[in-house]
Amino acid sequence: MTIEKDGVKLTFYQEEFKQNLEYDLPEDQANFTGLPLEALEKCKIEDDRHPVVILYQNKPSGFFVLHGWEGVKLYSDNKDAILVRAYSINPEYQGKGIAKASLALLPSFVKENFPDKNEIILGVNFNNKHAQQVYLKTGFIDKGHRIMGTKGEQFVYHLPL
């Protein structure tokens, strides 16, 4: 199922997208997220990781993983939640509103493909101010929960479905 808004679509990863996901991120972004190809390797060995491609004008422009309970349990006790991880936009496409549009599409995409889920959660690094703003502007809520991640303290954000 593909969901679309403002030229932005979310769709599950297909092998044909791989070469367009071979991008690097600026250091200030790379410190906080995994690169698509690294994340895809983990998806191959863990069944509850679902890679999603962000298309902009039908071109792969970003990527993230929806991770089931094995990922969620580090952030929440809600077994009906799904975790967003390894979220990134190719630097070539940044500044076009793709992140905002893709996150606006996310609840519909999750409801359509994971109907048993009632919440989307994610961890965002304390020092990643730009990402915090984008997530909060697109409906995620900071309920005050914090965890210590591999790269420092993280806010846990929630988006009820």
Protein backbone atom coordinates (compact mmCIF):
# COMPACT_ATOMS: atom_id res chain seq x y z
CA MET A 1 0.00 0.00 0.00
CA THR A 2 1.32 3.41 -0.97
CA ILE A 3 0.06 6.57 0.72
CA GLU A 4 0.63 10.00 -0.94
CA LYS A 5 0.64 13.73 0.02
CA ASP A 6 2.20 16.71 -1.81
CA GLY A 7 4.24 14.53 -4.16
CA VAL A 8 5.51 12.47 -1.22
CA LYS A 9 4.69 8.78 -0.91
CA LEU A 10 5.50 6.06 1.60
CA THR A 11 6.02 2.55 0.32
CA PHE A 12 7.77 -0.58 1.52
CA TYR A 13 11.34 -1.08 0.34
CA GLN A 14 11.93 -2.87 -2.94
CA GLU A 15 15.33 -3.87 -4.31
CA GLU A 16 14.97 -1.41 -7.20
CA PHE A 17 15.29 1.46 -4.68
CA LYS A 18 18.66 0.33 -3.31
CA GLN A 19 21.00 2.41 -5.48
CA ASN A 20 19.07 5.59 -4.64
CA LEU A 21 19.48 4.89 -0.94
CA GLU A 22 23.28 4.88 -1.09
CA TYR A 23 23.61 8.38 0.36
CA ASP A 24 25.68 9.84 3.14
CA LEU A 25 24.47 12.37 5.65
CA PRO A 26 26.22 15.47 6.96
CA GLU A 27 28.08 14.72 10.19
CA ASP A 28 25.57 16.62 12.34
CA GLN A 29 22.82 14.27 11.07
CA ALA A 30 24.87 11.07 10.75
CA ASN A 31 25.60 11.25 14.49
CA PHE A 32 21.94 10.64 15.24
CA THR A 33 20.63 8.07 12.74
CA GLY A 34 21.61 4.99 10.81
CA LEU A 35 22.18 5.07 7.07
CA PRO A 36 19.65 3.25 4.89
CA LEU A 37 21.98 0.51 3.64
CA GLU A 38 23.14 -0.29 7.19
CA ALA A 39 19.53 -0.40 8.39
CA LEU A 40 18.56 -2.68 5.48
CA GLU A 41 21.16 -5.23 6.58
CA LYS A 42 19.51 -5.42 10.01
CA CYS A 43 16.09 -5.77 8.36
CA LYS A 44 17.33 -8.87 6.54
CA ILE A 45 18.07 -10.68 9.81
CA GLU A 46 15.21 -9.41 12.01
CA ASP A 47 11.65 -10.23 10.92
CA ASP A 48 10.01 -7.43 12.87
CA ARG A 49 11.95 -4.65 11.07
CA HIS A 50 10.09 -3.25 8.07
CA PRO A 51 12.02 -0.90 5.75
CA VAL A 52 10.05 1.99 4.28
CA VAL A 53 11.11 4.27 1.43
CA ILE A 54 10.04 7.89 1.16
CA LEU A 55 9.41 8.81 -2.46
CA TYR A 56 9.37 12.39 -3.69
CA GLN A 57 8.03 12.80 -7.22
CA ASN A 58 8.43 9.01 -7.50
CA LYS A 59 12.15 9.11 -6.64
CA PRO A 60 13.55 7.55 -3.45
CA SER A 61 14.40 10.54 -1.27
CA GLY A 62 14.41 9.12 2.24
CA PHE A 63 14.14 6.04 4.37
CA PHE A 64 13.14 4.69 7.77
CA VAL A 65 12.38 1.42 9.50
CA LEU A 66 9.22 0.46 11.35
CA HIS A 67 10.32 -1.88 14.12
CA GLY A 68 8.00 -4.14 16.11
CA TRP A 69 8.12 -5.21 19.74
CA GLU A 70 11.84 -6.06 19.81
CA GLY A 71 12.57 -2.40 19.11
CA VAL A 72 9.64 -0.91 21.00
CA LYS A 73 10.41 -2.58 24.32
CA LEU A 74 13.50 -0.41 24.80
CA TYR A 75 11.28 2.69 24.63
CA SER A 76 7.84 1.68 25.89
CA ASP A 77 5.75 -1.01 27.57
CA ASN A 78 3.07 -0.72 24.89
CA LYS A 79 3.08 -4.01 22.98
CA ASP A 80 0.70 -2.45 20.44
CA ALA A 81 3.16 0.30 19.47
CA ILE A 82 5.56 0.41 16.53
CA LEU A 83 8.92 2.17 16.56
CA VAL A 84 10.32 4.48 13.90
CA ARG A 85 14.08 4.20 13.56
CA ALA A 86 16.86 5.08 11.11
CA TYR A 87 14.81 7.98 9.73
CA SER A 88 16.63 10.14 7.19
CA ILE A 89 16.12 12.29 4.12
CA ASN A 90 18.76 12.23 1.37
CA PRO A 91 20.63 15.58 1.66
CA GLU A 92 19.93 16.18 -2.04
CA TYR A 93 16.21 16.42 -1.17
CA GLN A 94 16.34 18.23 2.17
CA GLY A 95 14.54 21.54 2.56
CA LYS A 96 11.58 20.58 0.34
CA GLY A 97 9.12 19.68 3.11
CA ILE A 98 9.57 15.96 2.49
CA ALA A 99 10.16 15.11 6.15
CA LYS A 100 7.05 16.96 7.27
CA ALA A 101 4.90 15.39 4.52
CA SER A 102 6.24 11.89 5.14
CA LEU A 103 5.56 12.16 8.87
CA ALA A 104 2.05 13.43 8.15
CA LEU A 105 1.48 10.29 6.06
CA LEU A 106 2.92 7.97 8.68
CA PRO A 107 -0.24 7.41 10.80
CA SER A 108 -2.29 6.37 7.74
CA PHE A 109 0.52 4.15 6.49
CA VAL A 110 0.83 2.39 9.85
CA LYS A 111 -2.96 1.98 10.25
CA GLU A 112 -3.22 0.49 6.76
CA ASN A 113 -0.29 -1.91 7.08
CA PHE A 114 -0.23 -2.64 10.83
CA PRO A 115 -3.89 -2.41 11.89
CA ASP A 116 -3.16 -3.90 15.33
CA LYS A 117 -0.92 -0.94 16.27
CA ASN A 118 -2.30 1.93 18.34
CA GLU A 119 0.78 4.11 18.72
CA ILE A 120 3.94 5.16 16.89
CA ILE A 121 6.98 5.91 19.02
CA LEU A 122 10.51 7.06 18.37
CA GLY A 123 13.61 8.13 20.21
CA VAL A 124 15.24 11.43 19.31
CA ASN A 125 18.61 12.47 20.64
CA PHE A 126 18.70 15.31 23.15
CA ASN A 127 21.13 17.24 20.91
CA ASN A 128 19.14 16.74 17.69
CA LYS A 129 17.11 19.94 18.00
CA HIS A 130 16.05 20.12 14.34
CA ALA A 131 14.55 16.61 14.38
CA GLN A 132 12.78 17.34 17.68
CA GLN A 133 11.05 20.34 16.10
CA VAL A 134 9.96 18.38 13.03
CA TYR A 135 8.55 15.51 15.09
CA LEU A 136 6.68 17.81 17.48
CA LYS A 137 5.23 19.87 14.60
CA THR A 138 3.88 16.69 13.00
CA GLY A 139 1.94 15.55 16.05
CA PHE A 140 4.39 13.57 18.17
CA ILE A 141 4.06 14.19 21.92
CA ASP A 142 6.77 14.36 24.55
CA LYS A 143 5.34 12.62 27.63
CA GLY A 144 8.54 13.18 29.61
CA HIS A 145 10.02 9.70 29.18
CA ARG A 146 13.80 9.55 28.57
CA ILE A 147 16.18 6.74 27.77
CA MET A 148 19.93 6.51 27.42
CA GLY A 149 20.76 5.54 23.84
CA THR A 150 24.08 4.57 22.33
CA LYS A 151 24.67 8.21 21.37
CA GLY A 152 23.40 9.86 24.53
CA GLU A 153 20.11 10.76 26.16
CA GLN A 154 16.99 10.47 24.03
CA PHE A 155 13.51 11.89 24.31
CA VAL A 156 10.82 9.29 23.64
CA TYR A 157 8.07 10.77 21.49
CA HIS A 158 4.61 9.25 21.08
CA LEU A 159 2.00 9.53 18.36
CA PRO A 160 -1.33 7.90 19.27
CA LEU A 161 -3.24 6.31 16.38
